[in-house]
Amino acid sequence: LQFHLKRLPPTLIADRMRHILDAEQVAFDSAALPLLARAADGSLRDGLSLLDQVLVFGGGRVGESDVRAMLGT
C-alpha cells in the first residue's frame, strides 16, 4: 500500500496551528507560526510535532524567540 501525499503550503499549516492554539487557549506570537510552518516542510504532522516541542521549550507559550532558538535560526 502506497500513499502519494501532497505537501501542504506553509500558510495552511500555520492556520491550523493558530486554530489549535486558539482552541486550547495557549498564548503565542503570530510571527512564530510561519517559522514553524516553514520548518515543517509541507508536513502537518511534522508541524504539530514542532509545535509540541516549542510548547515544552517555551514553558507552555509559543514565542518567536523560543522558536528561533529551538530551530537554530
PDB file of N, CA and C in Angstrom:
ATOM      1  N   LEU A   1       0.845  -1.176   0.000  1.00  0.00           N
ATOM      2  CA  LEU A   1       0.000   0.000   0.000  1.00  0.00           C
ATOM      3  C   LEU A   1       0.886   1.233   0.000  1.00  0.00           C
ATOM      4  N   GLN A   2       0.648   2.141  -0.915  1.00  0.00           N
ATOM      5  CA  GLN A   2       1.481   3.325  -1.037  1.00  0.00           C
ATOM      6  C   GLN A   2       0.588   4.557  -1.173  1.00  0.00           C
ATOM      7  N   PHE A   3       0.921   5.580  -0.408  1.00  0.00           N
ATOM      8  CA  PHE A   3       0.178   6.830  -0.443  1.00  0.00           C
ATOM      9  C   PHE A   3       1.052   7.916  -1.061  1.00  0.00           C
ATOM     10  N   HIS A   4       0.498   8.652  -1.976  1.00  0.00           N
ATOM     11  CA  HIS A   4       1.187   9.794  -2.569  1.00  0.00           C
ATOM     12  C   HIS A   4       0.519  11.054  -2.024  1.00  0.00           C
ATOM     13  N   LEU A   5       1.150  11.643  -1.030  1.00  0.00           N
ATOM     14  CA  LEU A   5       0.583  12.802  -0.356  1.00  0.00           C
ATOM     15  C   LEU A   5       1.212  14.082  -0.886  1.00  0.00           C
ATOM     16  N   LYS A   6       0.391  15.105  -1.017  1.00  0.00           N
ATOM     17  CA  LYS A   6       0.887  16.410  -1.448  1.00  0.00           C
ATOM     18  C   LYS A   6       1.423  17.167  -0.235  1.00  0.00           C
ATOM     19  N   ARG A   7       2.404  18.002  -0.496  1.00  0.00           N
ATOM     20  CA  ARG A   7       2.904  18.886   0.553  1.00  0.00           C
ATOM     21  C   ARG A   7       1.908  20.019   0.745  1.00  0.00           C
ATOM     22  N   LEU A   8       1.680  20.365   1.978  1.00  0.00           N
ATOM     23  CA  LEU A   8       0.776  21.468   2.286  1.00  0.00           C
ATOM     24  C   LEU A   8       1.555  22.784   2.267  1.00  0.00           C
ATOM     25  N   PRO A   9       0.914  23.857   1.829  1.00  0.00           N
ATOM     26  CA  PRO A   9       1.591  25.159   1.873  1.00  0.00           C
ATOM     27  C   PRO A   9       1.767  25.618   3.325  1.00  0.00           C
ATOM     28  N   PRO A  10       2.849  26.338   3.605  1.00  0.00           N
ATOM     29  CA  PRO A  10       3.094  26.803   4.981  1.00  0.00           C
ATOM     30  C   PRO A  10       1.944  27.630   5.557  1.00  0.00           C
ATOM     31  N   THR A  11       1.228  28.377   4.724  1.00  0.00           N
ATOM     32  CA  THR A  11       0.118  29.187   5.244  1.00  0.00           C
ATOM     33  C   THR A  11      -0.986  28.299   5.813  1.00  0.00           C
ATOM     34  N   LEU A  12      -1.252  27.177   5.169  1.00  0.00           N
ATOM     35  CA  LEU A  12      -2.277  26.258   5.652  1.00  0.00           C
ATOM     36  C   LEU A  12      -1.846  25.608   6.970  1.00  0.00           C
ATOM     37  N   ILE A  13      -0.579  25.257   7.072  1.00  0.00           N
ATOM     38  CA  ILE A  13      -0.061  24.661   8.307  1.00  0.00           C
ATOM     39  C   ILE A  13      -0.123  25.682   9.440  1.00  0.00           C
ATOM     40  N   ALA A  14       0.283  26.922   9.169  1.00  0.00           N
ATOM     41  CA  ALA A  14       0.246  27.973  10.194  1.00  0.00           C
ATOM     42  C   ALA A  14      -1.188  28.271  10.634  1.00  0.00           C
ATOM     43  N   ASP A  15      -2.118  28.269   9.694  1.00  0.00           N
ATOM     44  CA  ASP A  15      -3.530  28.491  10.040  1.00  0.00           C
ATOM     45  C   ASP A  15      -4.061  27.397  10.956  1.00  0.00           C
ATOM     46  N   ARG A  16      -3.678  26.163  10.688  1.00  0.00           N
ATOM     47  CA  ARG A  16      -4.139  25.046  11.524  1.00  0.00           C
ATOM     48  C   ARG A  16      -3.535  25.146  12.921  1.00  0.00           C
ATOM     49  N   MET A  17      -2.258  25.538  12.997  1.00  0.00           N
ATOM     50  CA  MET A  17      -1.628  25.734  14.309  1.00  0.00           C
ATOM     51  C   MET A  17      -2.334  26.837  15.080  1.00  0.00           C
ATOM     52  N   ARG A  18      -2.651  27.940  14.389  1.00  0.00           N
ATOM     53  CA  ARG A  18      -3.362  29.059  15.026  1.00  0.00           C
ATOM     54  C   ARG A  18      -4.716  28.587  15.568  1.00  0.00           C
ATOM     55  N   HIS A  19      -5.420  27.795  14.781  1.00  0.00           N
ATOM     56  CA  HIS A  19      -6.725  27.262  15.205  1.00  0.00           C
ATOM     57  C   HIS A  19      -6.577  26.413  16.464  1.00  0.00           C
ATOM     58  N   ILE A  20      -5.585  25.551  16.488  1.00  0.00           N
ATOM     59  CA  ILE A  20      -5.364  24.669  17.642  1.00  0.00           C
ATOM     60  C   ILE A  20      -4.988  25.479  18.875  1.00  0.00           C
ATOM     61  N   LEU A  21      -4.080  26.432  18.717  1.00  0.00           N
ATOM     62  CA  LEU A  21      -3.649  27.238  19.858  1.00  0.00           C
ATOM     63  C   LEU A  21      -4.783  28.098  20.401  1.00  0.00           C
ATOM     64  N   ASP A  22      -5.610  28.641  19.518  1.00  0.00           N
ATOM     65  CA  ASP A  22      -6.781  29.401  19.971  1.00  0.00           C
ATOM     66  C   ASP A  22      -7.756  28.510  20.727  1.00  0.00           C
ATOM     67  N   ALA A  23      -8.007  27.318  20.204  1.00  0.00           N
ATOM     68  CA  ALA A  23      -8.949  26.390  20.847  1.00  0.00           C
ATOM     69  C   ALA A  23      -8.442  25.955  22.222  1.00  0.00           C
ATOM     70  N   GLU A  24      -7.133  25.806  22.346  1.00  0.00           N
ATOM     71  CA  GLU A  24      -6.538  25.378  23.617  1.00  0.00           C
ATOM     72  C   GLU A  24      -6.196  26.550  24.529  1.00  0.00           C
ATOM     73  N   GLN A  25      -6.448  27.765  24.052  1.00  0.00           N
ATOM     74  CA  GLN A  25      -6.191  28.997  24.796  1.00  0.00           C
ATOM     75  C   GLN A  25      -4.726  29.101  25.244  1.00  0.00           C
ATOM     76  N   VAL A  26      -3.837  28.859  24.273  1.00  0.00           N
ATOM     77  CA  VAL A  26      -2.397  28.949  24.517  1.00  0.00           C
ATOM     78  C   VAL A  26      -1.894  30.260  23.930  1.00  0.00           C
ATOM     79  N   ALA A  27      -1.088  30.974  24.699  1.00  0.00           N
ATOM     80  CA  ALA A  27      -0.516  32.243  24.224  1.00  0.00           C
ATOM     81  C   ALA A  27       0.544  31.968  23.168  1.00  0.00           C
ATOM     82  N   PHE A  28       0.539  32.793  22.110  1.00  0.00           N
ATOM     83  CA  PHE A  28       1.525  32.617  21.049  1.00  0.00           C
ATOM     84  C   PHE A  28       1.782  33.932  20.339  1.00  0.00           C
ATOM     85  N   ASP A  29       2.983  34.033  19.764  1.00  0.00           N
ATOM     86  CA  ASP A  29       3.342  35.162  18.908  1.00  0.00           C
ATOM     87  C   ASP A  29       2.956  34.801  17.486  1.00  0.00           C
ATOM     88  N   SER A  30       2.258  35.691  16.817  1.00  0.00           N
ATOM     89  CA  SER A  30       1.849  35.422  15.430  1.00  0.00           C
ATOM     90  C   SER A  30       3.043  35.185  14.514  1.00  0.00           C
ATOM     91  N   ALA A  31       4.161  35.843  14.799  1.00  0.00           N
ATOM     92  CA  ALA A  31       5.352  35.692  13.957  1.00  0.00           C
ATOM     93  C   ALA A  31       6.011  34.320  14.121  1.00  0.00           C
ATOM     94  N   ALA A  32       5.683  33.611  15.184  1.00  0.00           N
ATOM     95  CA  ALA A  32       6.299  32.300  15.428  1.00  0.00           C
ATOM     96  C   ALA A  32       5.705  31.212  14.538  1.00  0.00           C
ATOM     97  N   LEU A  33       4.443  31.331  14.209  1.00  0.00           N
ATOM     98  CA  LEU A  33       3.774  30.259  13.468  1.00  0.00           C
ATOM     99  C   LEU A  33       4.310  30.070  12.050  1.00  0.00           C
ATOM    100  N   PRO A  34       4.554  31.134  11.280  1.00  0.00           N
ATOM    101  CA  PRO A  34       5.142  30.903   9.951  1.00  0.00           C
ATOM    102  C   PRO A  34       6.517  30.250  10.008  1.00  0.00           C
ATOM    103  N   LEU A  35       7.285  30.552  11.050  1.00  0.00           N
ATOM    104  CA  LEU A  35       8.597  29.921  11.202  1.00  0.00           C
ATOM    105  C   LEU A  35       8.448  28.411  11.402  1.00  0.00           C
ATOM    106  N   LEU A  36       7.515  28.039  12.264  1.00  0.00           N
ATOM    107  CA  LEU A  36       7.266  26.613  12.496  1.00  0.00           C
ATOM    108  C   LEU A  36       6.721  25.935  11.242  1.00  0.00           C
ATOM    109  N   ALA A  37       5.803  26.615  10.569  1.00  0.00           N
ATOM    110  CA  ALA A  37       5.182  26.036   9.376  1.00  0.00           C
ATOM    111  C   ALA A  37       6.212  25.817   8.266  1.00  0.00           C
ATOM    112  N   ARG A  38       7.129  26.759   8.117  1.00  0.00           N
ATOM    113  CA  ARG A  38       8.171  26.604   7.103  1.00  0.00           C
ATOM    114  C   ARG A  38       9.113  25.452   7.463  1.00  0.00           C
ATOM    115  N   ALA A  39       9.421  25.315   8.743  1.00  0.00           N
ATOM    116  CA  ALA A  39      10.303  24.232   9.197  1.00  0.00           C
ATOM    117  C   ALA A  39       9.638  22.867   9.024  1.00  0.00           C
ATOM    118  N   ALA A  40       8.303  22.837   9.007  1.00  0.00           N
ATOM    119  CA  ALA A  40       7.577  21.574   8.837  1.00  0.00           C
ATOM    120  C   ALA A  40       7.728  21.020   7.432  1.00  0.00           C
ATOM    121  N   ASP A  41       8.126  21.863   6.490  1.00  0.00           N
ATOM    122  CA  ASP A  41       8.426  21.442   5.113  1.00  0.00           C
ATOM    123  C   ASP A  41       7.270  20.684   4.453  1.00  0.00           C
ATOM    124  N   GLY A  42       6.056  21.229   4.607  1.00  0.00           N
ATOM    125  CA  GLY A  42       4.902  20.656   3.920  1.00  0.00           C
ATOM    126  C   GLY A  42       4.165  19.563   4.663  1.00  0.00           C
ATOM    127  N   SER A  43       4.626  19.203   5.850  1.00  0.00           N
ATOM    128  CA  SER A  43       4.017  18.115   6.614  1.00  0.00           C
ATOM    129  C   SER A  43       3.308  18.666   7.852  1.00  0.00           C
ATOM    130  N   LEU A  44       2.003  18.500   7.888  1.00  0.00           N
ATOM    131  CA  LEU A  44       1.241  18.958   9.056  1.00  0.00           C
ATOM    132  C   LEU A  44       1.644  18.176  10.292  1.00  0.00           C
ATOM    133  N   ARG A  45       1.874  16.889  10.135  1.00  0.00           N
ATOM    134  CA  ARG A  45       2.287  16.063  11.276  1.00  0.00           C
ATOM    135  C   ARG A  45       3.604  16.567  11.859  1.00  0.00           C
ATOM    136  N   ASP A  46       4.572  16.872  11.001  1.00  0.00           N
ATOM    137  CA  ASP A  46       5.847  17.409  11.477  1.00  0.00           C
ATOM    138  C   ASP A  46       5.657  18.776  12.119  1.00  0.00           C
ATOM    139  N   GLY A  47       4.776  19.576  11.560  1.00  0.00           N
ATOM    140  CA  GLY A  47       4.495  20.886  12.126  1.00  0.00           C
ATOM    141  C   GLY A  47       3.897  20.792  13.520  1.00  0.00           C
ATOM    142  N   LEU A  48       2.984  19.866  13.708  1.00  0.00           N
ATOM    143  CA  LEU A  48       2.377  19.693  15.033  1.00  0.00           C
ATOM    144  C   LEU A  48       3.388  19.144  16.030  1.00  0.00           C
ATOM    145  N   SER A  49       4.290  18.317  15.552  1.00  0.00           N
ATOM    146  CA  SER A  49       5.358  17.804  16.408  1.00  0.00           C
ATOM    147  C   SER A  49       6.277  18.950  16.849  1.00  0.00           C
ATOM    148  N   LEU A  50       6.626  19.834  15.914  1.00  0.00           N
ATOM    149  CA  LEU A  50       7.428  21.005  16.254  1.00  0.00           C
ATOM    150  C   LEU A  50       6.692  21.922  17.219  1.00  0.00           C
ATOM    151  N   LEU A  51       5.395  22.050  17.028  1.00  0.00           N
ATOM    152  CA  LEU A  51       4.579  22.876  17.921  1.00  0.00           C
ATOM    153  C   LEU A  51       4.618  22.305  19.343  1.00  0.00           C
ATOM    154  N   ASP A  52       4.493  20.996  19.482  1.00  0.00           N
ATOM    155  CA  ASP A  52       4.598  20.358  20.794  1.00  0.00           C
ATOM    156  C   ASP A  52       5.964  20.627  21.425  1.00  0.00           C
ATOM    157  N   GLN A  53       7.001  20.514  20.619  1.00  0.00           N
ATOM    158  CA  GLN A  53       8.353  20.723  21.134  1.00  0.00           C
ATOM    159  C   GLN A  53       8.564  22.152  21.621  1.00  0.00           C
ATOM    160  N   VAL A  54       8.065  23.124  20.855  1.00  0.00           N
ATOM    161  CA  VAL A  54       8.265  24.518  21.262  1.00  0.00           C
ATOM    162  C   VAL A  54       7.410  24.856  22.479  1.00  0.00           C
ATOM    163  N   LEU A  55       6.284  24.191  22.661  1.00  0.00           N
ATOM    164  CA  LEU A  55       5.482  24.404  23.867  1.00  0.00           C
ATOM    165  C   LEU A  55       6.261  23.961  25.110  1.00  0.00           C
ATOM    166  N   VAL A  56       6.972  22.863  25.009  1.00  0.00           N
ATOM    167  CA  VAL A  56       7.801  22.396  26.123  1.00  0.00           C
ATOM    168  C   VAL A  56       9.001  23.330  26.296  1.00  0.00           C
ATOM    169  N   PHE A  57       9.643  23.662  25.182  1.00  0.00           N
ATOM    170  CA  PHE A  57      10.824  24.526  25.193  1.00  0.00           C
ATOM    171  C   PHE A  57      10.489  25.899  25.762  1.00  0.00           C
ATOM    172  N   GLY A  58       9.323  26.428  25.417  1.00  0.00           N
ATOM    173  CA  GLY A  58       8.922  27.769  25.840  1.00  0.00           C
ATOM    174  C   GLY A  58       8.103  27.812  27.111  1.00  0.00           C
ATOM    175  N   GLY A  59       7.976  26.706  27.793  1.00  0.00           N
ATOM    176  CA  GLY A  59       7.243  26.694  29.056  1.00  0.00           C
ATOM    177  C   GLY A  59       5.748  26.926  28.900  1.00  0.00           C
ATOM    178  N   GLY A  60       5.158  26.376  27.833  1.00  0.00           N
ATOM    179  CA  GLY A  60       3.722  26.487  27.636  1.00  0.00           C
ATOM    180  C   GLY A  60       3.280  27.665  26.792  1.00  0.00           C
ATOM    181  N   ARG A  61       4.248  28.373  26.220  1.00  0.00           N
ATOM    182  CA  ARG A  61       3.950  29.529  25.369  1.00  0.00           C
ATOM    183  C   ARG A  61       4.751  29.389  24.083  1.00  0.00           C
ATOM    184  N   VAL A  62       4.194  29.871  22.982  1.00  0.00           N
ATOM    185  CA  VAL A  62       4.877  29.800  21.692  1.00  0.00           C
ATOM    186  C   VAL A  62       5.365  31.204  21.344  1.00  0.00           C
ATOM    187  N   GLY A  63       6.616  31.469  21.668  1.00  0.00           N
ATOM    188  CA  GLY A  63       7.213  32.772  21.398  1.00  0.00           C
ATOM    189  C   GLY A  63       8.154  32.702  20.204  1.00  0.00           C
ATOM    190  N   GLU A  64       8.255  33.820  19.484  1.00  0.00           N
ATOM    191  CA  GLU A  64       9.114  33.851  18.304  1.00  0.00           C
ATOM    192  C   GLU A  64      10.565  33.563  18.662  1.00  0.00           C
ATOM    193  N   SER A  65      11.043  34.146  19.752  1.00  0.00           N
ATOM    194  CA  SER A  65      12.446  33.925  20.144  1.00  0.00           C
ATOM    195  C   SER A  65      12.690  32.475  20.540  1.00  0.00           C
ATOM    196  N   ASP A  66      11.713  31.846  21.163  1.00  0.00           N
ATOM    197  CA  ASP A  66      11.850  30.430  21.529  1.00  0.00           C
ATOM    198  C   ASP A  66      11.896  29.556  20.280  1.00  0.00           C
ATOM    199  N   VAL A  67      11.049  29.882  19.298  1.00  0.00           N
ATOM    200  CA  VAL A  67      11.024  29.111  18.049  1.00  0.00           C
ATOM    201  C   VAL A  67      12.368  29.259  17.340  1.00  0.00           C
ATOM    202  N   ARG A  68      12.863  30.483  17.259  1.00  0.00           N
ATOM    203  CA  ARG A  68      14.153  30.705  16.591  1.00  0.00           C
ATOM    204  C   ARG A  68      15.287  29.973  17.310  1.00  0.00           C
ATOM    205  N   ALA A  69      15.270  30.000  18.637  1.00  0.00           N
ATOM    206  CA  ALA A  69      16.305  29.288  19.401  1.00  0.00           C
ATOM    207  C   ALA A  69      16.201  27.786  19.204  1.00  0.00           C
ATOM    208  N   MET A  70      14.992  27.274  19.230  1.00  0.00           N
ATOM    209  CA  MET A  70      14.799  25.834  19.079  1.00  0.00           C
ATOM    210  C   MET A  70      15.205  25.353  17.678  1.00  0.00           C
ATOM    211  N   LEU A  71      14.880  26.170  16.659  1.00  0.00           N
ATOM    212  CA  LEU A  71      15.205  25.796  15.281  1.00  0.00           C
ATOM    213  C   LEU A  71      16.644  26.156  14.910  1.00  0.00           C
ATOM    214  N   GLY A  72      17.301  26.935  15.742  1.00  0.00           N
ATOM    215  CA  GLY A  72      18.671  27.333  15.457  1.00  0.00           C
ATOM    216  C   GLY A  72      18.786  28.379  14.369  1.00  0.00           C
ATOM    217  N   THR A  73      17.782  29.261  14.290  1.00  0.00           N
ATOM    218  CA  THR A  73      17.818  30.306  13.267  1.00  0.00           C
ATOM    219  C   THR A  73      18.054  31.657  13.892  1.00  0.00           C
TER     220      THR A  73
END
